[in-house]
Amino acid sequence: MKRLLITSALILLSTSSADIDLVCRDDVPYIIWSMSDKPTFLMQASGGFKIVFLGYHTNVSLAIISNDSTDYLAAACTNYDPWMDPSRLMVIETETLDVLNSREVSVDNLGFQAEAYSFDEIHLEKHSSGSDSCLMICSTRCCVVKDQSYYPVYLGSCFVDFTETGSIILYDTLSTMIHDHAGTLQASFGPFSTQQIRHLSVTAFFTACPMSFFHGRISSHLHQIAPASRIEDMWSHSIYTIETYGIPFDLGLVGAGSNSAEAVVLWEDTAGVMKYSVFTDSIAPDVTYGFPFISPVISDPVAMSCNPEDPGLLLVWFDSILDQIRVRHYQDEWNDFDHVIASCPSGVLPGNIAVYSVEDGYYVAWLPGEESPPEFVFVDRATVTGIHDQPESPMISPVISISSNPFTECVSFAVENGISIEELFVFDLYGRVVCTLHPTDDGTFHWDGYNNTGSTVSSGVYFIMGAAEKGIVSAGLVKL
């Protein structure tokens, strides 16, 4: 297992949530994330890493699309609050990370009329390399459709056509009503596919109605026209439904993923029993089992891979009791043993963990704490596909220590754990290289607060990053 670590001491004050996603192309991972106060970044996480600033958003999603045999990144960024930066779709060049094209996307594009809010979240189809289009799933609330007078919660889907990098076209739009009154969309996952099921997604919804009536439902959805007997455009199926009077309950959708043969949805019922439903060739699950392990629990941040070419899938979660990132493999059955891939004493919040399947293993990325840039790990497939226990390999994490943070005039950096770094780069929050640093004879780096042109940099937050043989080291720095 290769561990590629990015640590930070960024000081950013906010209580808003963050988000993360990643894809991989030619063994180069690309990570998109939004910080807790909503600045959004895209990073090419390789030896020649790059960072770009993409605006201010709360929810991010990343995919790989192709045009004339050339791969591009497709990014979707949205906000819970419509008065902030508008939701956008972007086509991004893989080498330079230049945004080649961008368009605003709103609920109007999916046939909705916004009353109070825009999209809750937008998710792009992960494994669409080789195709010039990918599916987009959007959750909305407080919107109306077909001249209805109440404020239901909807799930919308459409294909995004990237045939020309100069245009982004939405087509084949479908929608389904999650519930006919305002409520809480607890979670949504997808789209994900197998060799037999294309474009499956799942949602969990909870609402408290008048007269102490509580309603909850976990549903599966396909980007297909619903049978004639149904009102909705999109085909939907209820996996689990509960209604009570006077007794509130907890209902949780934990995670969802897929491999070449099966889609797996992990969820918890109102009795607190963790279950998983398995789909093979239909919108309805073939079978639902009790999850035979004590973790993850519903409060743990969870991600699952969704590669329709992979014979297995990887379940990843942050164990909040042990402060560890752990993984468990599934292929026809769950591996009897999980594996620790990282320690994370600063914690991980829900939505701040992601996984991507490649031929020889899995990339896992997460946001430690609320104000830190991502850390990521490559997990070799052989490490997690066995059905027997394996000893954990000791992990050596390259870490940058900072003499003073915040600093005013001069600051020094030292790379710990015996890691050799030839250069450190200072980036501003727009991803621009401000200064290049080289070590002294004792391996220490010094920065006097000047840029490469000899001018003093302004006060603010900066990234300090460097490439090492065993990965990437990084820290956040504040200049007063």
Protein backbone atom coordinates (compact mmCIF):
# COMPACT_ATOMS: atom_id res chain seq x y z
CA MET A 1 0.00 0.00 0.00
CA LYS A 2 1.36 3.40 -0.98
CA ARG A 3 0.45 6.25 1.31
CA LEU A 4 0.36 9.71 -0.24
CA LEU A 5 -0.28 12.23 2.50
CA ILE A 6 -1.31 15.86 2.38
CA THR A 7 -1.46 17.51 5.82
CA SER A 8 -2.36 21.04 6.73
CA ALA A 9 -2.68 23.61 9.49
CA LEU A 10 -4.96 25.98 7.62
CA ILE A 11 -6.79 28.41 9.84
CA LEU A 12 -10.15 29.03 8.24
CA LEU A 13 -13.14 29.90 10.40
CA SER A 14 -16.50 28.51 9.36
CA THR A 15 -19.12 26.01 10.45
CA SER A 16 -20.21 25.03 6.95
CA SER A 17 -19.72 21.55 5.59
CA ALA A 18 -17.03 20.49 3.13
CA ASP A 19 -17.02 17.89 0.35
CA ILE A 20 -14.56 15.76 -1.65
CA ASP A 21 -14.44 13.57 -4.75
CA LEU A 22 -11.72 11.97 -6.90
CA VAL A 23 -11.04 10.15 -10.16
CA CYS A 24 -7.89 8.68 -11.68
CA ARG A 25 -6.45 8.74 -15.20
CA ASP A 26 -3.21 6.95 -16.24
CA ASP A 27 -2.24 6.41 -12.57
CA VAL A 28 -2.65 10.13 -11.85
CA PRO A 29 -5.33 10.89 -9.26
CA TYR A 30 -7.35 14.09 -9.46
CA ILE A 31 -9.00 15.35 -6.28
CA ILE A 32 -11.67 18.03 -6.04
CA TRP A 33 -12.70 19.40 -2.67
CA SER A 34 -14.45 22.29 -0.99
CA MET A 35 -13.16 23.67 2.29
CA SER A 36 -15.46 24.33 5.22
CA ASP A 37 -15.98 27.96 4.17
CA LYS A 38 -16.65 26.82 0.57
CA PRO A 39 -13.51 27.70 -1.46
CA THR A 40 -13.25 24.87 -4.01
CA PHE A 41 -9.99 23.43 -5.36
CA LEU A 42 -8.94 20.86 -7.95
CA MET A 43 -5.60 19.09 -7.59
CA GLN A 44 -3.58 16.87 -9.91
CA ALA A 45 -2.03 14.68 -7.21
CA SER A 46 1.12 13.34 -8.84
CA GLY A 47 4.83 14.16 -8.77
CA GLY A 48 4.11 17.21 -10.94
CA PHE A 49 1.08 18.22 -8.89
CA LYS A 50 -1.00 21.27 -9.66
CA ILE A 51 -3.77 23.09 -7.77
CA VAL A 52 -6.43 25.39 -9.21
CA PHE A 53 -9.18 27.41 -7.56
CA LEU A 54 -12.69 26.79 -8.95
CA GLY A 55 -14.87 29.18 -6.96
CA TYR A 56 -17.02 28.82 -3.85
CA HIS A 57 -19.27 25.75 -3.59
CA THR A 58 -20.60 23.30 -1.03
CA ASN A 59 -20.96 20.16 -3.16
CA VAL A 60 -18.49 18.84 -5.76
CA SER A 61 -18.37 15.89 -8.15
CA LEU A 62 -15.75 14.75 -10.66
CA ALA A 63 -15.77 12.45 -13.71
CA ILE A 64 -13.62 11.58 -16.72
CA ILE A 65 -15.08 12.02 -20.21
CA SER A 66 -13.55 11.60 -23.67
CA ASN A 67 -13.71 13.59 -26.88
CA ASP A 68 -11.91 12.51 -30.07
CA SER A 69 -9.87 9.97 -28.04
CA THR A 70 -8.74 12.70 -25.63
CA ASP A 71 -9.68 12.50 -21.97
CA TYR A 72 -10.97 15.50 -20.06
CA LEU A 73 -12.18 16.10 -16.52
CA ALA A 74 -15.83 16.96 -15.99
CA ALA A 75 -16.64 18.77 -12.76
CA ALA A 76 -19.99 19.63 -11.20
CA CYS A 77 -20.08 22.20 -8.40
CA THR A 78 -23.20 23.42 -6.65
CA ASN A 79 -24.39 25.27 -3.57
CA TYR A 80 -27.19 24.75 -1.09
CA ASP A 81 -27.68 28.53 -1.11
CA PRO A 82 -28.80 30.00 -4.47
CA TRP A 83 -27.45 33.49 -3.62
CA MET A 84 -23.86 32.18 -3.65
CA ASP A 85 -21.87 31.15 -6.74
CA PRO A 86 -24.26 29.47 -9.20
CA SER A 87 -24.06 25.73 -9.80
CA ARG A 88 -21.73 24.98 -12.71
CA LEU A 89 -20.62 22.21 -15.05
CA MET A 90 -17.03 22.46 -16.28
CA VAL A 91 -14.77 20.79 -18.84
CA ILE A 92 -11.17 20.79 -17.58
CA GLU A 93 -7.91 19.90 -19.35
CA THR A 94 -6.11 17.05 -17.57
CA GLU A 95 -2.53 18.36 -17.84
CA THR A 96 -2.89 22.08 -17.19
CA LEU A 97 -6.19 21.96 -15.26
CA ASP A 98 -7.38 24.84 -17.40
CA VAL A 99 -11.17 25.24 -17.52
CA LEU A 100 -11.95 24.87 -21.23
CA ASN A 101 -15.66 25.47 -20.90
CA SER A 102 -18.18 26.17 -18.21
CA ARG A 103 -21.93 26.65 -18.00
CA GLU A 104 -24.36 27.47 -15.26
CA VAL A 105 -26.88 24.77 -14.45
CA SER A 106 -30.09 25.40 -12.54
CA VAL A 107 -33.27 23.62 -11.54
CA ASP A 108 -34.92 25.23 -14.57
CA ASN A 109 -32.73 23.05 -16.82
CA LEU A 110 -34.44 19.96 -15.37
CA GLY A 111 -37.96 21.34 -15.66
CA PHE A 112 -38.34 22.66 -12.10
CA GLN A 113 -39.37 26.09 -10.89
CA ALA A 114 -37.29 27.16 -7.89
CA GLU A 115 -39.22 28.60 -4.96
CA ALA A 116 -36.53 28.83 -2.28
CA TYR A 117 -33.54 26.65 -3.04
CA SER A 118 -31.40 25.43 -5.88
CA PHE A 119 -29.88 21.94 -6.10
CA ASP A 120 -28.99 20.19 -2.88
CA GLU A 121 -26.35 18.07 -4.62
CA ILE A 122 -25.16 17.12 -8.10
CA HIS A 123 -23.41 13.80 -8.75
CA LEU A 124 -21.73 12.78 -12.00
CA GLU A 125 -21.31 9.23 -13.28
CA LYS A 126 -17.81 8.23 -12.15
CA HIS A 127 -16.61 5.66 -14.68
CA SER A 128 -17.49 7.14 -18.06
CA SER A 129 -14.00 7.31 -19.62
CA GLY A 130 -14.20 6.60 -23.35
CA SER A 131 -17.61 8.26 -23.61
CA ASP A 132 -18.38 11.86 -24.56
CA SER A 133 -21.34 11.97 -22.17
CA CYS A 134 -22.08 11.05 -18.58
CA LEU A 135 -25.17 10.88 -16.40
CA MET A 136 -25.88 13.63 -13.89
CA ILE A 137 -28.11 13.09 -10.82
CA CYS A 138 -29.51 16.16 -9.03
CA SER A 139 -31.49 16.36 -5.80
CA THR A 140 -33.79 19.36 -5.27
CA ARG A 141 -36.10 20.62 -2.58
CA CYS A 142 -38.62 23.46 -2.27
CA CYS A 143 -39.23 23.34 -6.01
CA VAL A 144 -42.37 22.79 -8.04
CA VAL A 145 -42.94 20.94 -11.27
CA LYS A 146 -45.97 20.57 -13.55
CA ASP A 147 -47.67 23.58 -11.90
CA GLN A 148 -48.07 21.84 -8.55
CA SER A 149 -48.77 24.23 -5.67
CA TYR A 150 -46.89 22.48 -2.83
CA TYR A 151 -43.16 22.11 -2.32
CA PRO A 152 -42.03 18.54 -2.81
CA VAL A 153 -38.57 16.98 -2.89
CA TYR A 154 -37.41 15.71 -6.26
CA LEU A 155 -34.62 13.71 -7.81
CA GLY A 156 -33.75 14.73 -11.35
CA SER A 157 -31.40 13.12 -13.86
CA CYS A 158 -30.09 13.90 -17.31
CA PHE A 159 -27.22 13.13 -19.64
CA VAL A 160 -24.51 15.73 -20.12
CA ASP A 161 -23.12 15.81 -23.66
CA PHE A 162 -19.46 16.85 -23.98
CA THR A 163 -19.13 16.00 -27.69
CA GLU A 164 -17.69 19.47 -28.28
CA THR A 165 -15.46 20.89 -25.56
CA GLY A 166 -16.89 24.28 -26.47
CA SER A 167 -20.44 23.29 -25.55
CA ILE A 168 -22.14 21.43 -22.70
CA ILE A 169 -25.60 20.15 -23.56
CA LEU A 170 -28.17 18.56 -21.24
CA TYR A 171 -30.62 16.04 -22.69
CA ASP A 172 -32.87 13.09 -21.83
CA THR A 173 -34.11 14.71 -18.62
CA LEU A 174 -36.15 12.66 -16.13
CA SER A 175 -37.48 13.35 -12.63
CA THR A 176 -39.20 11.58 -9.78
CA MET A 177 -40.91 12.97 -6.70
CA ILE A 178 -39.27 11.73 -3.51
CA HIS A 179 -42.09 13.11 -1.37
CA ASP A 180 -44.98 15.51 -1.96
CA HIS A 181 -44.25 17.76 1.03
CA ALA A 182 -41.16 19.57 2.26
CA GLY A 183 -38.89 17.35 4.28
CA THR A 184 -35.32 16.19 4.65
CA LEU A 185 -33.46 14.30 1.95
CA GLN A 186 -31.19 12.47 4.40
CA ALA A 187 -28.82 11.13 1.73
CA SER A 188 -28.52 10.32 -1.95
CA PHE A 189 -25.93 8.16 -3.73
CA GLY A 190 -25.31 7.49 -7.39
CA PRO A 191 -25.36 7.14 -10.23
CA PHE A 192 -23.63 3.76 -10.29
CA SER A 193 -23.84 0.82 -12.69
CA THR A 194 -23.09 -2.87 -13.17
CA GLN A 195 -22.84 -4.84 -16.41
CA GLN A 196 -26.60 -5.48 -16.24
CA ILE A 197 -27.97 -2.39 -14.44
CA ARG A 198 -27.24 1.05 -15.80
CA HIS A 199 -27.52 4.28 -13.86
CA LEU A 200 -28.94 3.23 -10.50
CA SER A 201 -29.19 5.69 -7.60
CA VAL A 202 -30.66 5.57 -4.09
CA THR A 203 -32.19 8.11 -1.70
CA ALA A 204 -33.37 8.27 1.90
CA PHE A 205 -36.13 10.71 2.87
CA PHE A 206 -37.67 11.71 6.21
CA THR A 207 -40.53 14.10 6.97
CA ALA A 208 -42.60 15.10 9.97
CA CYS A 209 -46.15 15.94 8.93
CA PRO A 210 -48.97 17.59 10.91
CA MET A 211 -50.68 15.61 13.69
CA SER A 212 -47.33 14.01 14.70
CA PHE A 213 -47.22 11.83 11.60
CA PHE A 214 -43.70 10.69 10.64
CA HIS A 215 -42.79 9.19 7.30
CA GLY A 216 -39.50 7.74 6.06
CA ARG A 217 -38.48 5.89 2.93
CA ILE A 218 -35.38 4.47 1.26
CA SER A 219 -35.80 4.20 -2.51
CA SER A 220 -33.90 3.09 -5.57
CA HIS A 221 -34.13 4.90 -8.91
CA LEU A 222 -33.18 4.13 -12.51
CA HIS A 223 -32.57 6.63 -15.26
CA GLN A 224 -35.27 4.95 -17.32
CA ILE A 225 -38.80 5.91 -18.27
CA ALA A 226 -41.18 4.64 -15.63
CA PRO A 227 -43.79 2.00 -16.57
CA ALA A 228 -47.07 3.39 -17.87
CA SER A 229 -48.79 2.63 -14.56
CA ARG A 230 -46.62 5.21 -12.74
CA ILE A 231 -46.98 8.97 -12.63
CA GLU A 232 -43.28 9.83 -12.41
CA ASP A 233 -40.99 10.15 -15.41
CA MET A 234 -38.16 8.26 -13.74
CA TRP A 235 -38.58 4.67 -12.61
CA SER A 236 -38.44 4.41 -8.79
CA HIS A 237 -38.85 1.59 -6.27
CA SER A 238 -39.33 1.65 -2.50
CA ILE A 239 -36.80 -0.50 -0.64
CA TYR A 240 -37.97 0.32 2.88
CA THR A 241 -40.88 2.46 4.12
CA ILE A 242 -42.08 3.28 7.62
CA GLU A 243 -44.88 5.50 8.95
CA THR A 244 -45.60 6.23 12.62
CA TYR A 245 -47.89 8.45 14.67
CA GLY A 246 -46.35 10.30 17.62
CA ILE A 247 -43.12 8.28 17.59
CA PRO A 248 -40.15 9.80 15.74
CA PHE A 249 -37.50 7.45 14.39
CA ASP A 250 -34.04 7.33 12.86
CA LEU A 251 -33.61 6.04 9.31
CA GLY A 252 -30.27 6.05 7.58
CA LEU A 253 -28.79 5.47 4.14
CA VAL A 254 -25.13 4.71 4.85
CA GLY A 255 -23.56 4.11 1.43
CA ALA A 256 -23.93 2.56 -2.01
CA GLY A 257 -21.58 1.14 -4.64
CA SER A 258 -21.28 -1.40 -7.42
CA ASN A 259 -19.02 -3.82 -9.24
CA SER A 260 -19.38 -5.71 -12.51
CA ALA A 261 -22.06 -8.08 -11.20
CA GLU A 262 -23.83 -6.43 -8.26
CA ALA A 263 -24.85 -3.12 -6.75
CA VAL A 264 -24.80 -2.96 -2.95
CA VAL A 265 -26.70 -0.49 -0.75
CA LEU A 266 -25.83 -0.24 2.94
CA TRP A 267 -28.57 1.15 5.20
CA GLU A 268 -29.95 1.09 8.75
CA ASP A 269 -33.57 0.45 9.68
CA THR A 270 -35.53 2.15 12.45
CA ALA A 271 -34.54 -0.56 14.95
CA GLY A 272 -30.88 0.36 14.48
CA VAL A 273 -30.06 -2.81 12.51
CA MET A 274 -27.49 -2.35 9.74
CA LYS A 275 -28.48 -4.10 6.49
CA TYR A 276 -27.31 -4.33 2.91
CA SER A 277 -29.40 -4.86 -0.19
CA VAL A 278 -27.96 -6.54 -3.31
CA PHE A 279 -29.12 -5.69 -6.85
CA THR A 280 -28.20 -7.82 -9.87
CA ASP A 281 -30.53 -7.12 -12.80
CA SER A 282 -33.45 -5.02 -11.57
CA ILE A 283 -34.36 -1.78 -9.84
CA ALA A 284 -35.61 -3.94 -6.95
CA PRO A 285 -33.02 -5.66 -4.73
CA ASP A 286 -32.71 -9.42 -5.13
CA VAL A 287 -32.07 -9.90 -1.42
CA THR A 288 -31.43 -7.95 1.77
CA TYR A 289 -29.14 -9.26 4.49
CA GLY A 290 -28.12 -8.16 7.95
CA PHE A 291 -24.65 -6.58 7.82
CA PRO A 292 -22.50 -9.08 9.78
CA PHE A 293 -19.97 -6.64 11.26
CA ILE A 294 -20.02 -4.05 14.04
CA SER A 295 -18.70 -1.22 11.89
CA PRO A 296 -19.26 1.05 10.14
CA VAL A 297 -22.09 2.54 12.16
CA ILE A 298 -24.57 5.03 10.77
CA SER A 299 -22.66 8.05 12.09
CA ASP A 300 -19.39 7.05 10.38
CA PRO A 301 -18.49 8.80 7.09
CA VAL A 302 -18.66 6.12 4.37
CA ALA A 303 -17.77 5.76 0.68
CA MET A 304 -18.05 2.78 -1.70
CA SER A 305 -16.44 2.24 -5.11
CA CYS A 306 -18.66 1.94 -8.18
CA ASN A 307 -16.62 0.58 -11.11
CA PRO A 308 -18.73 -1.62 -13.47
CA GLU A 309 -15.49 -3.20 -14.76
CA ASP A 310 -14.26 -4.21 -11.30
CA PRO A 311 -15.23 -7.71 -10.08
CA GLY A 312 -15.32 -6.35 -6.53
CA LEU A 313 -16.00 -3.15 -4.64
CA LEU A 314 -14.36 -1.44 -1.68
CA LEU A 315 -16.20 -0.11 1.36
CA VAL A 316 -14.28 2.72 3.07
CA TRP A 317 -15.18 4.43 6.31
CA PHE A 318 -13.80 6.57 9.11
CA ASP A 319 -14.05 4.76 12.45
CA SER A 320 -14.84 7.60 14.84
CA ILE A 321 -14.03 5.46 17.91
CA LEU A 322 -10.55 4.42 16.78
CA ASP A 323 -9.81 7.51 14.65
CA GLN A 324 -8.89 5.27 11.70
CA ILE A 325 -9.68 5.03 8.00
CA ARG A 326 -10.68 1.40 7.43
CA VAL A 327 -11.63 -0.63 4.35
CA ARG A 328 -13.45 -3.90 3.65
CA HIS A 329 -13.71 -5.63 0.26
CA TYR A 330 -16.83 -7.18 -1.28
CA GLN A 331 -16.94 -9.72 -4.11
CA ASP A 332 -19.96 -12.04 -3.91
CA GLU A 333 -19.48 -11.82 -0.14
CA TRP A 334 -17.81 -9.52 2.37
CA ASN A 335 -14.22 -10.12 3.29
CA ASP A 336 -14.06 -11.51 6.84
CA PHE A 337 -11.49 -8.91 7.84
CA ASP A 338 -11.17 -5.17 7.41
CA HIS A 339 -7.90 -3.27 7.09
CA VAL A 340 -6.57 -0.04 8.55
CA ILE A 341 -5.16 2.23 5.85
CA ALA A 342 -4.59 5.43 7.85
CA SER A 343 -4.90 7.07 11.23
CA CYS A 344 -6.77 10.36 11.40
CA PRO A 345 -6.88 11.85 14.92
CA SER A 346 -8.37 15.11 13.62
CA GLY A 347 -11.49 13.25 12.46
CA VAL A 348 -13.49 13.11 9.21
CA LEU A 349 -16.96 14.58 8.69
CA PRO A 350 -19.77 12.95 6.69
CA GLY A 351 -19.33 13.49 2.95
CA ASN A 352 -15.60 14.07 3.33
CA ILE A 353 -14.37 10.68 2.14
CA ALA A 354 -14.17 9.22 -1.39
CA VAL A 355 -12.89 6.11 -3.19
CA TYR A 356 -12.09 5.35 -6.82
CA SER A 357 -11.42 1.91 -8.34
CA VAL A 358 -8.56 1.31 -10.80
CA GLU A 359 -7.16 -1.88 -12.31
CA ASP A 360 -4.60 -2.67 -9.60
CA GLY A 361 -6.35 -1.23 -6.56
CA TYR A 362 -8.20 1.70 -5.08
CA TYR A 363 -7.51 5.35 -4.37
CA VAL A 364 -9.01 6.67 -1.15
CA ALA A 365 -9.14 10.38 -0.27
CA TRP A 366 -10.54 12.25 2.71
CA LEU A 367 -10.59 15.66 4.38
CA PRO A 368 -9.17 15.52 7.93
CA GLY A 369 -10.99 17.85 10.27
CA GLU A 370 -12.89 20.83 8.86
CA GLU A 371 -10.18 23.14 7.51
CA SER A 372 -7.51 20.83 6.07
CA PRO A 373 -6.68 19.92 2.47
CA PRO A 374 -7.09 16.24 1.53
CA GLU A 375 -5.02 13.24 2.37
CA PHE A 376 -5.05 10.25 0.06
CA VAL A 377 -3.83 6.67 -0.11
CA PHE A 378 -3.44 4.06 -2.82
CA VAL A 379 -4.55 0.63 -1.58
CA ASP A 380 -3.17 -2.31 -3.55
CA ARG A 381 -5.85 -4.77 -4.62
CA ALA A 382 -3.97 -7.75 -3.15
CA THR A 383 -4.13 -6.11 0.28
CA VAL A 384 -7.91 -6.18 0.50
CA THR A 385 -9.18 -8.99 -1.75
CA GLY A 386 -8.06 -11.93 0.38
CA ILE A 387 -10.49 -13.64 2.72
CA HIS A 388 -7.95 -14.10 5.51
CA ASP A 389 -6.44 -11.73 8.04
CA GLN A 390 -3.31 -9.85 7.01
CA PRO A 391 -0.87 -7.94 9.22
CA GLU A 392 -1.01 -4.21 8.75
CA SER A 393 2.10 -2.62 7.24
CA PRO A 394 3.59 0.22 9.30
CA MET A 395 2.78 3.60 7.73
CA ILE A 396 5.40 6.33 7.53
CA SER A 397 3.72 9.67 6.99
CA PRO A 398 5.76 12.50 5.52
CA VAL A 399 4.93 15.60 7.57
CA ILE A 400 5.99 19.24 7.30
CA SER A 401 6.72 20.98 10.59
CA ILE A 402 6.44 24.78 10.63
CA SER A 403 8.46 27.04 12.94
CA SER A 404 5.66 29.58 13.33
CA ASN A 405 2.10 29.47 12.08
CA PRO A 406 0.78 32.14 11.64
CA PHE A 407 3.95 34.09 10.80
CA THR A 408 4.70 37.75 10.08
CA GLU A 409 8.12 38.03 8.39
CA CYS A 410 10.12 34.77 8.18
CA VAL A 411 9.21 31.11 8.62
CA SER A 412 11.07 27.78 8.41
CA PHE A 413 9.92 24.31 7.31
CA ALA A 414 11.35 20.87 8.05
CA VAL A 415 10.19 17.61 6.47
CA GLU A 416 10.03 14.89 9.09
CA ASN A 417 10.27 11.06 9.06
CA GLY A 418 13.41 10.97 6.93
CA ILE A 419 11.68 12.12 3.73
CA SER A 420 13.91 13.91 1.19
CA ILE A 421 12.43 16.94 -0.62
CA GLU A 422 14.29 18.86 -3.32
CA GLU A 423 11.82 21.75 -3.65
CA LEU A 424 8.88 23.22 -1.81
CA PHE A 425 6.31 25.34 -3.63
CA VAL A 426 4.23 28.09 -2.05
CA PHE A 427 0.74 28.38 -3.59
CA ASP A 428 -1.88 31.03 -2.97
CA LEU A 429 -5.56 30.17 -2.67
CA TYR A 430 -5.99 30.53 -6.43
CA GLY A 431 -3.48 27.74 -7.09
CA ARG A 432 -0.75 30.11 -8.35
CA VAL A 433 2.91 29.39 -7.48
CA VAL A 434 4.03 32.31 -5.35
CA CYS A 435 7.55 31.16 -4.45
CA THR A 436 9.87 28.18 -4.96
CA LEU A 437 12.01 27.14 -1.99
CA HIS A 438 15.18 25.01 -1.83
CA PRO A 439 16.67 23.36 1.27
CA THR A 440 19.78 24.42 3.13
CA ASP A 441 22.54 21.92 3.92
CA ASP A 442 20.65 20.63 6.95
CA GLY A 443 17.48 20.07 4.87
CA THR A 444 15.56 23.04 6.29
CA PHE A 445 13.55 25.38 4.07
CA HIS A 446 13.23 29.12 4.79
CA TRP A 447 10.74 31.63 3.41
CA ASP A 448 11.03 35.38 3.96
CA GLY A 449 7.51 36.17 2.74
CA TYR A 450 8.63 37.36 -0.71
CA ASN A 451 7.45 35.97 -4.05
CA ASN A 452 9.59 34.84 -6.98
CA THR A 453 9.72 38.41 -8.35
CA GLY A 454 11.07 39.84 -5.09
CA SER A 455 7.87 41.47 -3.84
CA THR A 456 6.35 40.97 -0.41
CA VAL A 457 3.24 38.77 -0.50
CA SER A 458 0.01 39.96 1.05
CA SER A 459 -1.48 38.61 4.24
CA GLY A 460 -3.59 35.48 3.81
CA VAL A 461 -3.59 31.69 3.60
CA TYR A 462 -1.04 29.76 1.52
CA PHE A 463 -0.39 26.10 0.66
CA ILE A 464 3.14 24.70 1.11
CA MET A 465 3.60 21.58 -1.03
CA GLY A 466 6.43 19.34 -2.23
CA ALA A 467 6.85 16.05 -4.08
CA ALA A 468 8.75 13.18 -2.45
CA GLU A 469 9.60 9.69 -3.63
CA LYS A 470 6.97 8.22 -1.31
CA GLY A 471 4.28 10.77 -2.01
CA ILE A 472 3.35 14.39 -1.45
CA VAL A 473 3.86 16.56 1.61
CA SER A 474 1.83 19.68 2.26
CA ALA A 475 0.86 22.17 4.93
CA GLY A 476 -1.26 25.25 5.29
CA LEU A 477 0.30 28.53 6.33
CA VAL A 478 -1.14 31.88 7.41
CA LYS A 479 0.76 35.13 6.89
CA LEU A 480 -0.34 38.00 9.12
